[in-house]
PDB file of N, CA and C in Angstrom:
ATOM      1  N   MET A   1     -33.688 -27.933  55.529  1.00  0.00           N
ATOM      2  CA  MET A   1     -34.430 -26.788  55.051  1.00  0.00           C
ATOM      3  C   MET A   1     -35.328 -27.252  53.913  1.00  0.00           C
ATOM      4  N   THR A   2     -36.542 -26.705  53.888  1.00  0.00           N
ATOM      5  CA  THR A   2     -37.511 -27.066  52.864  1.00  0.00           C
ATOM      6  C   THR A   2     -37.931 -25.803  52.128  1.00  0.00           C
ATOM      7  N   GLY A   3     -37.993 -25.851  50.824  1.00  0.00           N
ATOM      8  CA  GLY A   3     -38.393 -24.691  50.034  1.00  0.00           C
ATOM      9  C   GLY A   3     -39.881 -24.706  49.746  1.00  0.00           C
ATOM     10  N   SER A   4     -40.479 -23.525  49.693  1.00  0.00           N
ATOM     11  CA  SER A   4     -41.880 -23.363  49.338  1.00  0.00           C
ATOM     12  C   SER A   4     -41.998 -22.168  48.414  1.00  0.00           C
ATOM     13  N   LYS A   5     -43.018 -22.183  47.586  1.00  0.00           N
ATOM     14  CA  LYS A   5     -43.255 -21.107  46.626  1.00  0.00           C
ATOM     15  C   LYS A   5     -44.312 -20.163  47.182  1.00  0.00           C
ATOM     16  N   VAL A   6     -44.118 -18.862  46.982  1.00  0.00           N
ATOM     17  CA  VAL A   6     -45.106 -17.862  47.387  1.00  0.00           C
ATOM     18  C   VAL A   6     -46.099 -17.710  46.249  1.00  0.00           C
ATOM     19  N   GLY A   7     -47.381 -17.885  46.561  1.00  0.00           N
ATOM     20  CA  GLY A   7     -48.430 -17.770  45.555  1.00  0.00           C
ATOM     21  C   GLY A   7     -48.770 -16.314  45.270  1.00  0.00           C
ATOM     22  N   PRO A   8     -49.642 -16.076  44.296  1.00  0.00           N
ATOM     23  CA  PRO A   8     -49.998 -14.716  43.898  1.00  0.00           C
ATOM     24  C   PRO A   8     -50.656 -13.896  45.013  1.00  0.00           C
ATOM     25  N   LYS A   9     -51.263 -14.545  45.979  1.00  0.00           N
ATOM     26  CA  LYS A   9     -51.890 -13.834  47.100  1.00  0.00           C
ATOM     27  C   LYS A   9     -50.960 -13.745  48.316  1.00  0.00           C
ATOM     28  N   GLY A  10     -49.692 -14.124  48.134  1.00  0.00           N
ATOM     29  CA  GLY A  10     -48.734 -14.070  49.241  1.00  0.00           C
ATOM     30  C   GLY A  10     -48.800 -15.276  50.150  1.00  0.00           C
ATOM     31  N   GLN A  11     -49.549 -16.288  49.768  1.00  0.00           N
ATOM     32  CA  GLN A  11     -49.678 -17.486  50.602  1.00  0.00           C
ATOM     33  C   GLN A  11     -48.510 -18.432  50.376  1.00  0.00           C
ATOM     34  N   VAL A  12     -48.103 -19.089  51.464  1.00  0.00           N
ATOM     35  CA  VAL A  12     -47.020 -20.072  51.412  1.00  0.00           C
ATOM     36  C   VAL A  12     -47.557 -21.371  51.996  1.00  0.00           C
ATOM     37  N   VAL A  13     -47.283 -22.469  51.320  1.00  0.00           N
ATOM     38  CA  VAL A  13     -47.698 -23.782  51.819  1.00  0.00           C
ATOM     39  C   VAL A  13     -46.609 -24.310  52.741  1.00  0.00           C
ATOM     40  N   ILE A  14     -47.002 -24.693  53.951  1.00  0.00           N
ATOM     41  CA  ILE A  14     -46.061 -25.341  54.876  1.00  0.00           C
ATOM     42  C   ILE A  14     -46.039 -26.814  54.485  1.00  0.00           C
ATOM     43  N   PRO A  15     -44.889 -27.355  54.154  1.00  0.00           N
ATOM     44  CA  PRO A  15     -44.820 -28.757  53.736  1.00  0.00           C
ATOM     45  C   PRO A  15     -45.441 -29.704  54.762  1.00  0.00           C
ATOM     46  N   LYS A  16     -46.069 -30.755  54.251  1.00  0.00           N
ATOM     47  CA  LYS A  16     -46.786 -31.713  55.088  1.00  0.00           C
ATOM     48  C   LYS A  16     -45.914 -32.261  56.217  1.00  0.00           C
ATOM     49  N   ARG A  17     -44.669 -32.608  55.890  1.00  0.00           N
ATOM     50  CA  ARG A  17     -43.769 -33.178  56.899  1.00  0.00           C
ATOM     51  C   ARG A  17     -43.606 -32.219  58.083  1.00  0.00           C
ATOM     52  N   LEU A  18     -43.454 -30.927  57.793  1.00  0.00           N
ATOM     53  CA  LEU A  18     -43.291 -29.937  58.862  1.00  0.00           C
ATOM     54  C   LEU A  18     -44.589 -29.732  59.628  1.00  0.00           C
ATOM     55  N   ARG A  19     -45.732 -29.704  58.916  1.00  0.00           N
ATOM     56  CA  ARG A  19     -47.023 -29.576  59.607  1.00  0.00           C
ATOM     57  C   ARG A  19     -47.241 -30.730  60.561  1.00  0.00           C
ATOM     58  N   GLU A  20     -46.884 -31.932  60.120  1.00  0.00           N
ATOM     59  CA  GLU A  20     -47.042 -33.107  60.981  1.00  0.00           C
ATOM     60  C   GLU A  20     -46.135 -33.016  62.201  1.00  0.00           C
ATOM     61  N   GLN A  21     -44.893 -32.587  62.006  1.00  0.00           N
ATOM     62  CA  GLN A  21     -43.959 -32.470  63.131  1.00  0.00           C
ATOM     63  C   GLN A  21     -44.445 -31.437  64.149  1.00  0.00           C
ATOM     64  N   LEU A  22     -45.058 -30.356  63.666  1.00  0.00           N
ATOM     65  CA  LEU A  22     -45.543 -29.306  64.564  1.00  0.00           C
ATOM     66  C   LEU A  22     -46.957 -29.574  65.073  1.00  0.00           C
ATOM     67  N   GLY A  23     -47.621 -30.557  64.483  1.00  0.00           N
ATOM     68  CA  GLY A  23     -48.998 -30.850  64.888  1.00  0.00           C
ATOM     69  C   GLY A  23     -49.968 -29.784  64.411  1.00  0.00           C
ATOM     70  N   ILE A  24     -49.690 -29.178  63.259  1.00  0.00           N
ATOM     71  CA  ILE A  24     -50.573 -28.139  62.708  1.00  0.00           C
ATOM     72  C   ILE A  24     -51.625 -28.799  61.829  1.00  0.00           C
ATOM     73  N   GLU A  25     -52.884 -28.571  62.161  1.00  0.00           N
ATOM     74  CA  GLU A  25     -54.016 -29.131  61.433  1.00  0.00           C
ATOM     75  C   GLU A  25     -54.631 -28.051  60.546  1.00  0.00           C
ATOM     76  N   PRO A  26     -55.334 -28.445  59.477  1.00  0.00           N
ATOM     77  CA  PRO A  26     -56.008 -27.458  58.622  1.00  0.00           C
ATOM     78  C   PRO A  26     -56.946 -26.573  59.442  1.00  0.00           C
ATOM     79  N   GLY A  27     -56.890 -25.269  59.186  1.00  0.00           N
ATOM     80  CA  GLY A  27     -57.747 -24.317  59.888  1.00  0.00           C
ATOM     81  C   GLY A  27     -57.140 -23.751  61.156  1.00  0.00           C
ATOM     82  N   GLU A  28     -56.052 -24.350  61.657  1.00  0.00           N
ATOM     83  CA  GLU A  28     -55.411 -23.829  62.862  1.00  0.00           C
ATOM     84  C   GLU A  28     -54.667 -22.541  62.560  1.00  0.00           C
ATOM     85  N   ARG A  29     -54.500 -21.723  63.576  1.00  0.00           N
ATOM     86  CA  ARG A  29     -53.760 -20.477  63.432  1.00  0.00           C
ATOM     87  C   ARG A  29     -52.293 -20.713  63.749  1.00  0.00           C
ATOM     88  N   VAL A  30     -51.434 -19.935  63.080  1.00  0.00           N
ATOM     89  CA  VAL A  30     -50.002 -19.968  63.351  1.00  0.00           C
ATOM     90  C   VAL A  30     -49.532 -18.539  63.593  1.00  0.00           C
ATOM     91  N   GLN A  31     -48.410 -18.406  64.263  1.00  0.00           N
ATOM     92  CA  GLN A  31     -47.780 -17.106  64.500  1.00  0.00           C
ATOM     93  C   GLN A  31     -46.663 -16.942  63.482  1.00  0.00           C
ATOM     94  N   VAL A  32     -46.628 -15.790  62.803  1.00  0.00           N
ATOM     95  CA  VAL A  32     -45.588 -15.504  61.824  1.00  0.00           C
ATOM     96  C   VAL A  32     -44.835 -14.283  62.321  1.00  0.00           C
ATOM     97  N   GLU A  33     -43.526 -14.427  62.493  1.00  0.00           N
ATOM     98  CA  GLU A  33     -42.712 -13.334  63.039  1.00  0.00           C
ATOM     99  C   GLU A  33     -41.504 -13.092  62.146  1.00  0.00           C
ATOM    100  N   LEU A  34     -41.054 -11.844  62.117  1.00  0.00           N
ATOM    101  CA  LEU A  34     -39.856 -11.468  61.379  1.00  0.00           C
ATOM    102  C   LEU A  34     -38.789 -11.092  62.384  1.00  0.00           C
ATOM    103  N   GLY A  35     -37.602 -11.649  62.229  1.00  0.00           N
ATOM    104  CA  GLY A  35     -36.496 -11.330  63.123  1.00  0.00           C
ATOM    105  C   GLY A  35     -35.177 -11.757  62.516  1.00  0.00           C
ATOM    106  N   ASP A  36     -34.195 -10.909  62.581  1.00  0.00           N
ATOM    107  CA  ASP A  36     -32.860 -11.214  62.053  1.00  0.00           C
ATOM    108  C   ASP A  36     -32.902 -11.640  60.585  1.00  0.00           C
ATOM    109  N   GLY A  37     -33.758 -10.991  59.802  1.00  0.00           N
ATOM    110  CA  GLY A  37     -33.823 -11.285  58.376  1.00  0.00           C
ATOM    111  C   GLY A  37     -34.462 -12.608  58.023  1.00  0.00           C
ATOM    112  N   ALA A  38     -35.147 -13.241  58.976  1.00  0.00           N
ATOM    113  CA  ALA A  38     -35.789 -14.530  58.728  1.00  0.00           C
ATOM    114  C   ALA A  38     -37.237 -14.490  59.211  1.00  0.00           C
ATOM    115  N   VAL A  39     -38.076 -15.250  58.554  1.00  0.00           N
ATOM    116  CA  VAL A  39     -39.468 -15.392  58.972  1.00  0.00           C
ATOM    117  C   VAL A  39     -39.583 -16.685  59.765  1.00  0.00           C
ATOM    118  N   THR A  40     -40.212 -16.595  60.928  1.00  0.00           N
ATOM    119  CA  THR A  40     -40.421 -17.773  61.767  1.00  0.00           C
ATOM    120  C   THR A  40     -41.913 -18.056  61.841  1.00  0.00           C
ATOM    121  N   ILE A  41     -42.287 -19.307  61.667  1.00  0.00           N
ATOM    122  CA  ILE A  41     -43.686 -19.724  61.769  1.00  0.00           C
ATOM    123  C   ILE A  41     -43.791 -20.662  62.957  1.00  0.00           C
ATOM    124  N   ARG A  42     -44.710 -20.336  63.874  1.00  0.00           N
ATOM    125  CA  ARG A  42     -44.918 -21.167  65.067  1.00  0.00           C
ATOM    126  C   ARG A  42     -46.386 -21.532  65.176  1.00  0.00           C
ATOM    127  N   LYS A  43     -46.631 -22.698  65.696  1.00  0.00           N
ATOM    128  CA  LYS A  43     -48.002 -23.093  65.996  1.00  0.00           C
ATOM    129  C   LYS A  43     -48.497 -22.202  67.126  1.00  0.00           C
ATOM    130  N   SER A  44     -49.700 -21.658  66.976  1.00  0.00           N
ATOM    131  CA  SER A  44     -50.280 -20.837  68.040  1.00  0.00           C
ATOM    132  C   SER A  44     -50.628 -21.718  69.222  1.00  0.00           C
ATOM    133  N   ALA A  45     -50.512 -21.153  70.405  1.00  0.00           N
ATOM    134  CA  ALA A  45     -50.879 -21.889  71.611  1.00  0.00           C
ATOM    135  C   ALA A  45     -52.379 -22.139  71.602  1.00  0.00           C
ATOM    136  N   SER A  46     -52.774 -23.317  72.021  1.00  0.00           N
ATOM    137  CA  SER A  46     -54.199 -23.626  72.088  1.00  0.00           C
ATOM    138  C   SER A  46     -54.803 -22.948  73.307  1.00  0.00           C
ATOM    139  N   ILE A  47     -56.086 -22.796  73.301  1.00  0.00           N
ATOM    140  CA  ILE A  47     -56.783 -22.162  74.419  1.00  0.00           C
ATOM    141  C   ILE A  47     -56.571 -22.970  75.699  1.00  0.00           C
ATOM    142  N   GLU A  48     -56.410 -24.280  75.566  1.00  0.00           N
ATOM    143  CA  GLU A  48     -56.196 -25.112  76.750  1.00  0.00           C
ATOM    144  C   GLU A  48     -54.885 -24.741  77.440  1.00  0.00           C
ATOM    145  N   LEU A  49     -53.851 -24.439  76.648  1.00  0.00           N
ATOM    146  CA  LEU A  49     -52.571 -24.067  77.241  1.00  0.00           C
ATOM    147  C   LEU A  49     -52.623 -22.693  77.894  1.00  0.00           C
ATOM    148  N   LEU A  50     -53.519 -21.839  77.419  1.00  0.00           N
ATOM    149  CA  LEU A  50     -53.610 -20.480  77.936  1.00  0.00           C
ATOM    150  C   LEU A  50     -54.516 -20.376  79.157  1.00  0.00           C
ATOM    151  N   ARG A  51     -55.324 -21.401  79.375  1.00  0.00           N
ATOM    152  CA  ARG A  51     -56.277 -21.358  80.490  1.00  0.00           C
ATOM    153  C   ARG A  51     -55.536 -21.124  81.798  1.00  0.00           C
ATOM    154  N   GLY A  52     -55.991 -20.141  82.580  1.00  0.00           N
ATOM    155  CA  GLY A  52     -55.393 -19.834  83.866  1.00  0.00           C
ATOM    156  C   GLY A  52     -54.348 -18.729  83.814  1.00  0.00           C
ATOM    157  N   LEU A  53     -53.952 -18.296  82.612  1.00  0.00           N
ATOM    158  CA  LEU A  53     -52.959 -17.232  82.519  1.00  0.00           C
ATOM    159  C   LEU A  53     -53.572 -15.855  82.739  1.00  0.00           C
ATOM    160  N   LEU A  54     -54.836 -15.705  82.398  1.00  0.00           N
ATOM    161  CA  LEU A  54     -55.522 -14.429  82.575  1.00  0.00           C
ATOM    162  C   LEU A  54     -56.391 -14.489  83.824  1.00  0.00           C
ATOM    163  N   PRO A  55     -56.595 -13.339  84.456  1.00  0.00           N
ATOM    164  CA  PRO A  55     -57.457 -13.355  85.635  1.00  0.00           C
ATOM    165  C   PRO A  55     -58.890 -13.698  85.240  1.00  0.00           C
ATOM    166  N   PRO A  56     -59.609 -14.363  86.114  1.00  0.00           N
ATOM    167  CA  PRO A  56     -60.996 -14.713  85.791  1.00  0.00           C
ATOM    168  C   PRO A  56     -61.851 -13.462  85.683  1.00  0.00           C
ATOM    169  N   THR A  57     -62.988 -13.602  85.034  1.00  0.00           N
ATOM    170  CA  THR A  57     -63.941 -12.494  84.932  1.00  0.00           C
ATOM    171  C   THR A  57     -64.466 -12.154  86.314  1.00  0.00           C
ATOM    172  N   HIS A  58     -65.124 -11.016  86.430  1.00  0.00           N
ATOM    173  CA  HIS A  58     -65.683 -10.603  87.716  1.00  0.00           C
ATOM    174  C   HIS A  58     -66.607 -11.682  88.270  1.00  0.00           C
ATOM    175  N   GLU A  59     -67.462 -12.246  87.401  1.00  0.00           N
ATOM    176  CA  GLU A  59     -68.379 -13.294  87.850  1.00  0.00           C
ATOM    177  C   GLU A  59     -67.599 -14.529  88.291  1.00  0.00           C
ATOM    178  N   GLY A  60     -66.565 -14.867  87.524  1.00  0.00           N
ATOM    179  CA  GLY A  60     -65.740 -16.020  87.873  1.00  0.00           C
ATOM    180  C   GLY A  60     -65.019 -15.809  89.195  1.00  0.00           C
ATOM    181  N   MET A  61     -64.580 -14.581  89.436  1.00  0.00           N
ATOM    182  CA  MET A  61     -63.891 -14.256  90.679  1.00  0.00           C
ATOM    183  C   MET A  61     -64.844 -14.407  91.870  1.00  0.00           C
ATOM    184  N   ALA A  62     -66.077 -13.968  91.691  1.00  0.00           N
ATOM    185  CA  ALA A  62     -67.066 -14.109  92.765  1.00  0.00           C
ATOM    186  C   ALA A  62     -67.285 -15.583  93.092  1.00  0.00           C
ATOM    187  N   ASP A  63     -67.354 -16.428  92.072  1.00  0.00           N
ATOM    188  CA  ASP A  63     -67.513 -17.866  92.289  1.00  0.00           C
ATOM    189  C   ASP A  63     -66.323 -18.436  93.063  1.00  0.00           C
ATOM    190  N   LEU A  64     -65.113 -18.026  92.680  1.00  0.00           N
ATOM    191  CA  LEU A  64     -63.912 -18.510  93.372  1.00  0.00           C
ATOM    192  C   LEU A  64     -63.901 -18.065  94.833  1.00  0.00           C
ATOM    193  N   GLU A  65     -64.284 -16.811  95.075  1.00  0.00           N
ATOM    194  CA  GLU A  65     -64.323 -16.311  96.450  1.00  0.00           C
ATOM    195  C   GLU A  65     -65.344 -17.073  97.278  1.00  0.00           C
ATOM    196  N   ARG A  66     -66.501 -17.364  96.702  1.00  0.00           N
ATOM    197  CA  ARG A  66     -67.547 -18.107  97.412  1.00  0.00           C
ATOM    198  C   ARG A  66     -67.062 -19.520  97.735  1.00  0.00           C
ATOM    199  N   GLU A  67     -66.412 -20.178  96.764  1.00  0.00           N
ATOM    200  CA  GLU A  67     -65.866 -21.515  96.999  1.00  0.00           C
ATOM    201  C   GLU A  67     -64.811 -21.490  98.108  1.00  0.00           C
ATOM    202  N   HIS A  68     -63.985 -20.459  98.119  1.00  0.00           N
ATOM    203  CA  HIS A  68     -62.943 -20.341  99.141  1.00  0.00           C
ATOM    204  C   HIS A  68     -63.565 -20.152 100.524  1.00  0.00           C
ATOM    205  N   ARG A  69     -64.572 -19.286 100.638  1.00  0.00           N
ATOM    206  CA  ARG A  69     -65.261 -19.086 101.927  1.00  0.00           C
ATOM    207  C   ARG A  69     -65.891 -20.384 102.410  1.00  0.00           C
ATOM    208  N   ASP A  70     -66.548 -21.119 101.486  1.00  0.00           N
ATOM    209  CA  ASP A  70     -67.169 -22.388 101.857  1.00  0.00           C
ATOM    210  C   ASP A  70     -66.130 -23.378 102.369  1.00  0.00           C
ATOM    211  N   GLU A  71     -64.995 -23.407 101.699  1.00  0.00           N
ATOM    212  CA  GLU A  71     -63.927 -24.316 102.118  1.00  0.00           C
ATOM    213  C   GLU A  71     -63.405 -23.944 103.507  1.00  0.00           C
ATOM    214  N   LEU A  72     -63.232 -22.650 103.770  1.00  0.00           N
ATOM    215  CA  LEU A  72     -62.778 -22.209 105.088  1.00  0.00           C
ATOM    216  C   LEU A  72     -63.784 -22.583 106.171  1.00  0.00           C
ATOM    217  N   GLU A  73     -65.070 -22.429 105.873  1.00  0.00           N
ATOM    218  CA  GLU A  73     -66.115 -22.794 106.844  1.00  0.00           C
ATOM    219  C   GLU A  73     -66.080 -24.291 107.136  1.00  0.00           C
ATOM    220  N   ARG A  74     -65.893 -25.111 106.100  1.00  0.00           N
ATOM    221  CA  ARG A  74     -65.816 -26.565 106.316  1.00  0.00           C
ATOM    222  C   ARG A  74     -64.622 -26.915 107.198  1.00  0.00           C
ATOM    223  N   GLU A  75     -63.493 -26.240 106.961  1.00  0.00           N
ATOM    224  CA  GLU A  75     -62.292 -26.473 107.771  1.00  0.00           C
ATOM    225  C   GLU A  75     -62.558 -26.138 109.239  1.00  0.00           C
ATOM    226  N   GLU A  76     -63.276 -25.048 109.490  1.00  0.00           N
ATOM    227  CA  GLU A  76     -63.549 -24.618 110.857  1.00  0.00           C
ATOM    228  C   GLU A  76     -64.469 -25.615 111.570  1.00  0.00           C
ATOM    229  N   ARG A  77     -65.364 -26.268 110.837  1.00  0.00           N
ATOM    230  CA  ARG A  77     -66.309 -27.204 111.443  1.00  0.00           C
ATOM    231  C   ARG A  77     -65.707 -28.577 111.699  1.00  0.00           C
ATOM    232  N   ARG A  78     -64.568 -28.882 111.103  1.00  0.00           N
ATOM    233  CA  ARG A  78     -63.943 -30.188 111.293  1.00  0.00           C
ATOM    234  C   ARG A  78     -63.441 -30.308 112.727  1.00  0.00           C
ATOM    235  N   PRO A  79     -63.637 -31.497 113.314  1.00  0.00           N
ATOM    236  CA  PRO A  79     -63.148 -31.688 114.681  1.00  0.00           C
ATOM    237  C   PRO A  79     -61.610 -31.672 114.713  1.00  0.00           C
ATOM    238  N   ALA A  80     -61.080 -31.138 115.789  1.00  0.00           N
ATOM    239  CA  ALA A  80     -59.629 -31.077 115.957  1.00  0.00           C
ATOM    240  C   ALA A  80     -59.081 -32.472 116.154  1.00  0.00           C
ATOM    241  N   ARG A  81     -57.880 -32.701 115.676  1.00  0.00           N
ATOM    242  CA  ARG A  81     -57.273 -34.044 115.822  1.00  0.00           C
ATOM    243  C   ARG A  81     -56.356 -34.075 116.991  1.00  0.00           C
TER     244      ARG A  81
END
């Protein structure tokens, strides 16, 4: 366990050793949660990890549908084995 002091604006410094272990860089966002009388700080998921979790935009969906149709057409034109 590592102790930190709460500053006048309510800010808490995460010790360097813990930031390094979590891979938290200056300017990155973290998640702060309260549960069971304790505060938990987690590194926020990067956008790269979230990619694909949400449905694509309408325009993106149209692109995917067009690619799928093109792929089906190519499959139909291939000679049978």
